[in-house]
Protein backbone atom coordinates (compact mmCIF):
# COMPACT_ATOMS: atom_id res chain seq x y z
CA MET A 1 0.00 0.00 0.00
CA SER A 2 1.48 3.34 -1.05
CA ALA A 3 2.09 6.22 1.35
CA ASP A 4 -0.48 8.32 -0.50
CA THR A 5 -3.11 5.63 0.00
CA VAL A 6 -2.32 5.39 3.71
CA ARG A 7 -2.58 9.17 4.10
CA ALA A 8 -5.88 9.24 2.19
CA GLU A 9 -7.34 6.49 4.37
CA ALA A 10 -6.20 8.28 7.52
CA PHE A 11 -7.77 11.52 6.27
CA ASP A 12 -11.07 9.78 5.49
CA ARG A 13 -11.07 8.07 8.90
CA GLN A 14 -10.40 11.35 10.72
CA ARG A 15 -13.12 13.11 8.74
CA GLU A 16 -15.62 10.42 9.67
CA GLN A 17 -14.52 10.56 13.31
CA ARG A 18 -15.07 14.33 13.38
CA GLY A 19 -18.56 13.82 11.96
CA TRP A 20 -19.18 11.14 14.60
CA TYR A 21 -18.23 13.57 17.39
CA PHE A 22 -20.94 15.94 16.22
CA TYR A 23 -23.76 13.58 17.07
CA ASP A 24 -22.71 13.85 20.70
CA TRP A 25 -22.66 17.62 20.15
CA ALA A 26 -26.23 17.40 18.79
CA CYS A 27 -27.96 15.09 21.25
CA SER A 28 -26.18 15.80 24.53
CA VAL A 29 -28.13 19.04 24.88
CA TYR A 30 -31.25 16.90 25.34
CA SER A 31 -29.59 14.90 28.11
CA THR A 32 -28.33 18.06 29.82
CA SER A 33 -30.97 20.74 29.41
CA VAL A 34 -34.03 18.50 29.27
CA LEU A 35 -33.41 15.33 31.26
CA THR A 36 -30.96 16.65 33.84
CA VAL A 37 -32.00 20.26 34.45
CA PHE A 38 -35.44 21.41 33.37
CA LEU A 39 -37.86 18.56 32.79
CA GLY A 40 -37.62 16.82 36.19
CA PRO A 41 -38.58 19.80 38.36
CA TYR A 42 -40.97 21.23 35.74
CA LEU A 43 -42.86 17.99 35.06
CA THR A 44 -43.01 17.37 38.81
CA SER A 45 -44.60 20.80 39.31
CA VAL A 46 -47.09 20.13 36.50
CA ALA A 47 -47.97 16.78 38.09
CA LYS A 48 -48.44 18.47 41.46
CA ASP A 49 -50.82 20.97 39.87
CA ALA A 50 -52.88 18.03 38.62
CA ALA A 51 -52.68 16.06 41.89
CA ASP A 52 -55.56 15.35 44.24
CA PRO A 53 -55.60 16.70 47.83
CA ASP A 54 -53.46 13.75 48.96
CA GLY A 55 -50.72 14.58 46.44
CA PHE A 56 -51.45 11.77 43.98
CA VAL A 57 -52.10 11.76 40.24
CA HIS A 58 -53.95 8.90 38.57
CA PRO A 59 -52.59 7.96 35.12
CA LEU A 60 -54.74 5.14 33.75
CA GLY A 61 -56.42 5.04 37.16
CA ILE A 62 -53.21 4.09 38.98
CA PRO A 63 -52.44 6.19 42.09
CA VAL A 64 -48.95 7.69 41.77
CA ARG A 65 -47.39 10.24 44.10
CA ALA A 66 -46.82 13.38 42.01
CA GLY A 67 -43.20 13.57 43.18
CA SER A 68 -42.52 10.10 41.73
CA PHE A 69 -44.17 10.62 38.33
CA PHE A 70 -41.01 11.81 36.56
CA ALA A 71 -38.91 8.91 37.88
CA TYR A 72 -41.58 6.40 36.86
CA SER A 73 -41.77 7.94 33.37
CA VAL A 74 -38.01 7.54 32.93
CA SER A 75 -38.30 3.93 34.09
CA LEU A 76 -41.22 3.22 31.74
CA SER A 77 -39.26 4.55 28.77
CA VAL A 78 -36.86 1.61 29.02
CA ILE A 79 -39.70 -0.81 28.32
CA VAL A 80 -40.19 0.89 24.96
CA ALA A 81 -36.42 0.88 24.42
CA VAL A 82 -36.16 -2.84 25.21
CA LEU A 83 -38.80 -3.58 22.59
CA VAL A 84 -37.31 -1.37 19.88
CA MET A 85 -33.52 -1.41 20.26
CA PRO A 86 -32.84 -5.12 19.60
CA LEU A 87 -35.04 -4.95 16.51
CA VAL A 88 -33.23 -1.92 15.12
CA GLY A 89 -29.79 -3.20 16.11
CA ALA A 90 -30.26 -6.55 14.38
CA ALA A 91 -31.70 -4.85 11.28
CA ALA A 92 -28.76 -2.43 11.16
CA ASP A 93 -26.16 -5.21 11.38
CA ARG A 94 -27.90 -7.33 8.75
CA SER A 95 -28.50 -4.54 6.26
CA GLY A 96 -25.45 -2.40 6.99
CA ARG A 97 -27.72 0.67 6.77
CA LYS A 98 -27.18 2.30 10.14
CA LYS A 99 -27.23 5.88 8.95
CA PRO A 100 -30.89 6.14 7.83
CA LEU A 101 -32.01 4.38 11.01
CA LEU A 102 -29.91 6.83 13.05
CA GLY A 103 -31.57 9.71 11.22
CA VAL A 104 -35.11 8.44 11.88
CA ALA A 105 -34.45 7.85 15.59
CA ALA A 106 -32.74 11.22 16.04
CA TYR A 107 -35.53 13.20 14.39
CA VAL A 108 -38.30 11.36 16.26
CA GLY A 109 -36.53 12.27 19.50
CA ALA A 110 -35.92 15.84 18.40
CA ALA A 111 -39.58 16.27 17.42
CA ALA A 112 -40.83 14.90 20.77
CA THR A 113 -38.46 17.23 22.62
CA THR A 114 -39.56 20.25 20.59
CA GLY A 115 -43.16 19.29 21.39
CA MET A 116 -42.44 19.86 25.09
CA PHE A 117 -43.08 23.53 24.37
CA PHE A 118 -46.78 22.65 24.74
CA LEU A 119 -46.35 21.19 28.24
CA ASP A 120 -48.26 23.63 30.43
CA GLY A 121 -51.12 23.76 32.92
CA ASP A 122 -51.84 20.27 34.26
CA ARG A 123 -50.77 18.33 31.14
CA TYR A 124 -48.58 15.91 33.06
CA LEU A 125 -49.70 12.97 30.88
CA LEU A 126 -48.51 14.81 27.76
CA GLY A 127 -45.19 15.44 29.47
CA GLY A 128 -44.83 11.79 30.43
CA LEU A 129 -45.67 10.63 26.90
CA LEU A 130 -43.20 13.02 25.26
CA LEU A 131 -40.52 12.00 27.76
CA ILE A 132 -41.05 8.31 26.99
CA VAL A 133 -40.89 8.88 23.21
CA ALA A 134 -37.84 11.15 23.41
CA ASN A 135 -35.96 8.81 25.75
CA ALA A 136 -36.71 5.74 23.66
CA ALA A 137 -35.66 7.53 20.46
CA GLN A 138 -32.51 8.82 22.13
CA SER A 139 -31.70 5.30 23.25
CA VAL A 140 -32.10 3.86 19.75
CA ALA A 141 -30.07 6.65 18.16
CA MET A 142 -27.27 6.36 20.72
CA MET A 143 -27.12 2.60 20.22
CA LEU A 144 -26.55 3.12 16.49
CA TYR A 145 -24.11 5.98 17.11
CA ASN A 146 -22.04 3.96 19.59
CA SER A 147 -21.91 0.97 17.24
CA TYR A 148 -19.91 3.06 14.76
CA LEU A 149 -16.98 3.31 17.20
CA PRO A 150 -15.27 -0.03 16.40
CA GLN A 151 -15.72 0.71 12.68
CA ILE A 152 -14.27 4.24 12.60
CA ALA A 153 -11.38 3.82 15.07
CA PRO A 154 -8.69 1.12 15.32
CA PRO A 155 -8.18 -0.41 18.79
CA GLU A 156 -5.35 1.90 19.81
CA GLU A 157 -7.44 5.02 19.07
CA ARG A 158 -10.75 4.09 20.69
CA ASP A 159 -10.21 5.44 24.20
CA ALA A 160 -9.17 8.80 22.76
CA VAL A 161 -11.93 8.92 20.12
CA SER A 162 -14.63 7.94 22.62
CA SER A 163 -13.37 10.52 25.13
CA ARG A 164 -13.38 13.26 22.49
CA GLY A 165 -16.97 12.40 21.60
CA TRP A 166 -18.06 12.78 25.23
CA ALA A 167 -16.07 16.02 25.50
CA PHE A 168 -17.87 17.41 22.43
CA GLY A 169 -21.20 16.55 24.04
CA TYR A 170 -20.39 18.22 27.34
CA ALA A 171 -19.05 21.30 25.55
CA ALA A 172 -22.34 21.65 23.67
CA GLY A 173 -24.29 21.14 26.88
CA SER A 174 -22.29 23.93 28.52
CA LEU A 175 -22.91 26.41 25.70
CA VAL A 176 -26.65 25.79 25.62
CA LEU A 177 -26.94 25.84 29.42
CA ILE A 178 -25.36 29.30 29.44
CA ALA A 179 -28.03 30.50 27.01
CA ASN A 180 -30.70 28.74 29.10
CA LEU A 181 -29.43 30.41 32.26
CA VAL A 182 -29.55 33.86 30.65
CA LEU A 183 -33.11 33.32 29.44
CA TYR A 184 -34.31 31.82 32.71
CA LEU A 185 -32.81 34.48 34.98
CA ALA A 186 -33.81 37.40 32.74
CA HIS A 187 -37.17 36.08 31.57
CA ASP A 188 -38.92 39.28 32.63
CA THR A 189 -36.51 41.29 30.50
CA PHE A 190 -37.39 39.11 27.52
CA GLY A 191 -41.11 39.55 28.26
CA VAL A 192 -41.87 35.90 29.06
CA SER A 193 -43.04 34.16 32.22
CA GLU A 194 -40.87 31.69 34.12
CA PRO A 195 -42.85 28.63 32.91
CA MET A 196 -42.68 29.93 29.33
CA ALA A 197 -38.91 30.37 29.67
CA VAL A 198 -38.61 26.72 30.77
CA ARG A 199 -40.76 25.57 27.85
CA ILE A 200 -38.59 27.55 25.41
CA CYS A 201 -35.48 25.93 26.87
CA LEU A 202 -37.02 22.47 26.47
CA ALA A 203 -38.07 23.09 22.85
CA SER A 204 -34.75 24.68 21.89
CA ALA A 205 -32.96 21.46 22.87
CA GLY A 206 -35.06 19.60 20.31
CA LEU A 207 -34.29 22.16 17.60
CA TRP A 208 -30.55 21.98 18.40
CA TRP A 209 -30.66 18.18 18.31
CA GLY A 210 -32.31 18.14 14.89
CA ALA A 211 -30.11 20.83 13.34
CA PHE A 212 -26.70 19.41 14.28
CA THR A 213 -27.67 15.83 13.45
CA LEU A 214 -27.23 16.86 9.81
CA ILE A 215 -23.43 16.86 10.26
CA PRO A 216 -22.95 13.20 11.26
CA LEU A 217 -25.53 12.15 8.69
CA SER A 218 -23.42 13.82 6.00
CA ARG A 219 -20.10 12.24 7.09
CA LEU A 220 -20.76 8.77 8.49
CA ARG A 221 -20.68 5.88 6.01
CA ASP A 222 -22.81 2.76 5.83
CA ARG A 223 -20.85 -0.48 5.72
CA ARG A 224 -22.35 -3.60 4.23
CA SER A 225 -21.80 -6.62 6.44
CA GLY A 226 -22.67 -9.18 3.78
CA PRO A 227 -25.93 -10.96 2.97
CA ARG A 228 -27.95 -12.11 5.96
CA THR A 229 -31.28 -13.83 5.48
CA GLU A 230 -32.51 -14.54 9.01
CA PRO A 231 -35.67 -12.62 9.82
CA THR A 232 -35.68 -10.07 12.61
CA ALA A 233 -37.77 -11.35 15.52
CA PRO A 234 -40.16 -9.12 17.46
CA GLY A 235 -38.96 -7.17 20.50
CA PHE A 236 -38.18 -9.43 23.42
CA ARG A 237 -37.55 -12.42 21.12
CA GLN A 238 -34.82 -10.50 19.32
CA LEU A 239 -33.34 -9.41 22.65
CA ALA A 240 -33.37 -13.06 23.74
CA ALA A 241 -31.60 -14.02 20.52
CA THR A 242 -28.94 -11.36 21.14
CA VAL A 243 -28.41 -12.60 24.70
CA ARG A 244 -28.15 -16.20 23.45
CA HIS A 245 -25.42 -15.12 21.05
CA MET A 246 -23.68 -13.28 23.91
CA ARG A 247 -23.61 -16.54 25.86
CA ARG A 248 -20.98 -17.69 23.36
CA HIS A 249 -18.88 -14.84 24.76
CA PRO A 250 -19.49 -15.07 28.53
CA LEU A 251 -16.77 -12.58 29.44
CA THR A 252 -18.37 -9.94 27.21
CA LEU A 253 -21.65 -10.69 28.96
CA SER A 254 -19.93 -10.35 32.34
CA PHE A 255 -18.61 -6.90 31.46
CA LEU A 256 -22.03 -5.86 30.17
CA LEU A 257 -23.64 -6.96 33.44
CA ALA A 258 -21.16 -4.89 35.45
CA TYR A 259 -21.75 -1.89 33.18
CA LEU A 260 -25.54 -2.22 33.39
CA VAL A 261 -25.30 -2.12 37.18
CA TYR A 262 -22.94 0.79 37.76
CA ASN A 263 -24.22 2.84 34.82
CA ASP A 264 -27.76 2.41 36.14
CA GLY A 265 -26.56 4.30 39.21
CA ILE A 266 -24.80 6.98 37.14
CA GLN A 267 -27.82 7.62 34.94
CA THR A 268 -30.19 7.78 37.89
CA VAL A 269 -27.99 10.38 39.58
CA ILE A 270 -27.98 12.41 36.35
CA SER A 271 -31.74 12.29 35.86
CA GLN A 272 -32.75 12.79 39.51
CA ALA A 273 -30.11 15.26 40.76
CA SER A 274 -32.15 18.34 39.89
CA VAL A 275 -35.23 16.89 41.61
CA TYR A 276 -33.10 16.17 44.71
CA GLY A 277 -31.69 19.69 44.65
CA SER A 278 -35.04 21.43 44.23
CA GLU A 279 -37.30 19.24 46.38
CA GLU A 280 -34.98 18.10 49.20
CA LEU A 281 -32.36 20.87 49.39
CA GLY A 282 -34.70 23.73 48.51
CA LEU A 283 -32.43 25.15 45.81
CA GLY A 284 -33.76 27.45 43.10
CA GLN A 285 -33.75 26.68 39.40
CA SER A 286 -30.96 29.17 38.70
CA THR A 287 -28.73 27.43 41.27
CA LEU A 288 -29.46 24.05 39.70
CA ILE A 289 -28.64 25.34 36.22
CA ALA A 290 -25.37 26.85 37.42
CA ALA A 291 -24.43 23.57 39.16
CA ILE A 292 -25.18 21.50 36.09
CA LEU A 293 -23.18 23.98 34.01
CA LEU A 294 -20.26 23.38 36.36
CA VAL A 295 -20.68 19.64 35.83
CA GLN A 296 -20.60 20.12 32.05
CA VAL A 297 -17.46 22.27 32.07
CA LEU A 298 -15.56 19.93 34.38
CA ALA A 299 -16.82 16.86 32.50
CA VAL A 300 -15.00 18.03 29.37
CA ALA A 301 -11.71 18.13 31.28
CA GLY A 302 -12.62 14.93 33.15
CA ALA A 303 -13.33 12.97 29.97
CA LEU A 304 -10.07 14.04 28.33
CA GLY A 305 -8.08 13.63 31.55
CA MET A 306 -9.38 10.13 32.25
CA GLY A 307 -8.65 9.25 28.64
CA ARG A 308 -5.01 10.12 29.32
CA LEU A 309 -5.04 8.14 32.57
CA ALA A 310 -6.30 5.13 30.63
CA ARG A 311 -3.22 5.30 28.39
CA THR A 312 -1.07 4.88 31.51
CA TYR A 313 -3.12 2.65 33.80
CA GLY A 314 -5.55 1.01 31.37
CA ALA A 315 -9.26 1.61 30.87
CA LYS A 316 -10.40 -1.00 33.39
CA ARG A 317 -8.36 0.36 36.30
CA THR A 318 -9.37 3.93 35.48
CA ILE A 319 -13.07 2.99 35.45
CA LEU A 320 -12.71 1.18 38.79
CA GLY A 321 -11.14 4.30 40.29
CA SER A 322 -14.03 6.40 39.00
CA LEU A 323 -16.55 4.06 40.67
CA VAL A 324 -14.83 4.60 44.02
CA ALA A 325 -15.10 8.35 43.44
CA TRP A 326 -18.80 8.01 42.53
CA THR A 327 -19.49 6.11 45.77
CA VAL A 328 -17.76 8.70 47.94
CA THR A 329 -19.47 11.59 46.13
CA LEU A 330 -22.94 10.07 46.41
CA ALA A 331 -22.51 9.25 50.09
CA ALA A 332 -21.44 12.85 50.70
CA GLY A 333 -24.58 14.04 48.88
CA TYR A 334 -26.76 12.38 51.52
CA PHE A 335 -25.39 14.75 54.17
CA LEU A 336 -25.67 17.98 52.17
CA PRO A 337 -27.45 20.67 54.24
CA ALA A 338 -30.59 22.18 52.78
CA GLY A 339 -30.39 25.70 51.43
CA ALA A 340 -26.58 25.60 51.06
CA PRO A 341 -25.74 26.03 47.38
CA VAL A 342 -21.95 26.16 47.96
CA TRP A 343 -21.86 22.53 49.10
CA PHE A 344 -24.10 21.54 46.21
CA PHE A 345 -21.54 23.11 43.86
CA VAL A 346 -18.77 21.10 45.56
CA LEU A 347 -20.79 17.94 44.95
CA ALA A 348 -21.38 18.97 41.33
CA ALA A 349 -17.62 19.45 40.85
CA GLY A 350 -16.95 15.93 42.10
CA ILE A 351 -19.55 14.48 39.74
CA GLY A 352 -18.24 16.45 36.78
CA LEU A 353 -14.68 15.21 37.17
CA VAL A 354 -15.67 11.53 36.93
CA LEU A 355 -18.85 11.65 34.83
CA GLY A 356 -17.54 11.96 31.28
CA GLY A 357 -14.52 9.72 31.74
CA SER A 358 -16.35 6.81 33.33
CA GLN A 359 -18.88 6.78 30.48
CA ALA A 360 -16.39 7.35 27.65
CA LEU A 361 -14.00 4.63 28.81
CA SER A 362 -16.85 2.17 29.39
CA ARG A 363 -17.98 2.69 25.80
CA SER A 364 -14.51 2.25 24.34
CA LEU A 365 -13.76 -0.79 26.52
CA PHE A 366 -17.00 -2.48 25.48
CA SER A 367 -16.20 -1.83 21.80
CA HIS A 368 -13.19 -4.16 22.16
CA LEU A 369 -15.46 -6.94 23.45
CA VAL A 370 -17.94 -6.96 20.54
CA PRO A 371 -17.51 -9.69 17.90
CA PRO A 372 -17.02 -8.24 14.39
CA GLY A 373 -20.31 -7.85 12.51
CA LYS A 374 -22.39 -7.67 15.69
CA GLU A 375 -21.74 -4.03 16.60
CA ALA A 376 -25.26 -2.58 16.50
CA GLU A 377 -26.90 -5.68 17.97
CA TYR A 378 -24.50 -5.78 20.94
CA PHE A 379 -24.65 -2.05 21.46
CA SER A 380 -28.45 -2.32 21.65
CA ALA A 381 -27.98 -4.27 24.88
CA TYR A 382 -25.27 -1.83 26.03
CA GLU A 383 -27.48 1.18 25.38
CA MET A 384 -30.33 -0.10 27.54
CA SER A 385 -28.57 1.30 30.58
CA ASP A 386 -27.17 4.47 29.01
CA ARG A 387 -28.14 8.17 29.28
CA GLY A 388 -31.06 7.90 31.64
CA MET A 389 -32.57 4.75 30.00
CA SER A 390 -31.90 2.56 33.06
CA TRP A 391 -35.09 1.35 34.65
CA LEU A 392 -34.06 -0.14 38.00
CA GLY A 393 -32.35 2.97 39.38
CA PRO A 394 -35.24 5.40 38.73
CA LEU A 395 -37.69 2.75 39.89
CA LEU A 396 -35.77 2.24 43.15
CA PHE A 397 -35.46 6.00 43.57
CA GLY A 398 -39.21 6.51 43.01
CA ILE A 399 -40.28 3.62 45.24
CA THR A 400 -37.94 4.71 48.05
CA TYR A 401 -39.39 8.20 47.95
CA GLN A 402 -42.95 6.87 47.74
CA LEU A 403 -42.39 4.70 50.82
CA THR A 404 -40.36 7.13 52.92
CA GLY A 405 -41.24 10.59 51.58
CA SER A 406 -37.49 11.41 51.77
CA TYR A 407 -35.31 12.18 48.77
CA ARG A 408 -32.24 11.67 50.99
CA ASP A 409 -33.20 8.04 51.50
CA ALA A 410 -33.84 7.77 47.76
CA ILE A 411 -30.41 9.17 46.80
CA ILE A 412 -28.42 7.04 49.28
CA SER A 413 -30.12 3.88 48.01
CA LEU A 414 -28.17 4.32 44.76
CA VAL A 415 -24.80 3.59 46.44
CA ALA A 416 -25.51 -0.12 45.99
CA PHE A 417 -25.22 0.20 42.20
CA PHE A 418 -21.65 1.50 42.39
CA VAL A 419 -20.48 -1.03 44.98
CA ILE A 420 -21.95 -4.02 43.14
CA GLY A 421 -20.75 -2.68 39.77
CA PHE A 422 -17.20 -2.30 41.11
CA VAL A 423 -17.12 -5.90 42.33
CA LEU A 424 -18.51 -7.27 39.06
CA LEU A 425 -16.13 -5.26 36.87
CA ALA A 426 -13.09 -6.17 38.97
CA ARG A 427 -13.78 -9.85 38.28
CA VAL A 428 -13.74 -9.48 34.45
CA PRO A 429 -10.42 -10.49 32.76
CA VAL A 430 -10.70 -7.96 29.94
CA ARG A 431 -7.62 -9.03 27.96
CA ARG A 432 -8.91 -12.59 27.68
CA ALA A 433 -12.40 -11.25 26.93
CA ILE A 434 -11.07 -9.22 23.97
CA GLY A 435 -9.25 -12.23 22.57
CA ASP A 436 -12.28 -14.48 23.00
CA ALA A 437 -14.38 -11.96 21.02
CA GLY A 438 -11.99 -12.31 18.10
CA ASN A 439 -10.43 -8.85 18.34
CA PRO A 440 -6.78 -7.76 18.61
CA VAL A 441 -5.72 -7.05 22.20
CA PRO A 442 -4.27 -3.54 22.70
CA GLU A 443 -0.93 -3.22 24.47
CA ARG A 444 -2.61 -1.53 27.44
CA ILE A 445 -6.28 -2.06 28.32
């Protein structure tokens, strides 16, 4: 192969990688502005406006404490994701046409998010429905997006490429949160009410998501995986088929189990932190936005910094260290005094420094464990516990609050996910797992 050919291939690969980064830039604003900051407190307030004198709403006749409605909606969204993701993942691997499926999922999610502009009064059911659709679409799109990683980056580049993608996402989240903060704090100056300002922030995340998705769609390439004739089974049957195939690679399945556990805790902290801050600590929306902005800024540095640590200590050891930091940070959050924003900012700083890196390195490490030709199908299982799609954490959080009426008890219950996840991950021999999956083993992993 000539030097010119090598340079051309490297240029094409880097161009595709840069396009890949931009999907994180596009969709992370949803995760930050909508799921983490605005929708939890706002949908909770809408549900409370619709509640009966005992503080319960009754979707489909089921009594639900208004303060738990958001957490239950996040949990319910995973049921939709479980039905859809294995179907889409198997279809993408068999057809090789990931890009159009990514486009459909992204624009369904962007449209549902934009529709949150109409969430006012006591329309809590509309809010729950839009949340479920947006979360499920985000899950499907992220599964397809993540499955590109082993195709666009050789093994020695994946930690760095994955970390840059997360850094792009957190940088976008920071920029949009600054604009959100300006609008929210100065809503009177702009001639809009506080609820209207929140609704504009929610809808703008959907518009941003849709607009910047055009960049990855223009640069990513479909790759044919060869003719496959097996039909795609419905929902749970396809998931069962994927899990049966994973049983041929038990070490990959062991890593995925560890990831599902500890990432369930991470995603629940992300989605419920603003509710904890507003309902339990009595902090205002502007304080919450500023704290999340701090998380975003530090997460950029954290993702890149932990990527560098992985080059020295390996991805597995770096992830294990981050899980220890998560446990300490979450335990400290239980003791935060109410009405003390400074300590909430300290907690936010701790989360920011480990958030991006633990997620980026988990994604890149898993990409080494996926058998060639099964990227989208395996990442459909991986994605079920990513970006707020976890069901057990929000369910535990909601049930704990429903039983105790205390968000402190609800937040401390999540420590179990990090402890159990640490133990499970520590037991996985990742070098042997990579070899068993049929992939080259990097020098340091």
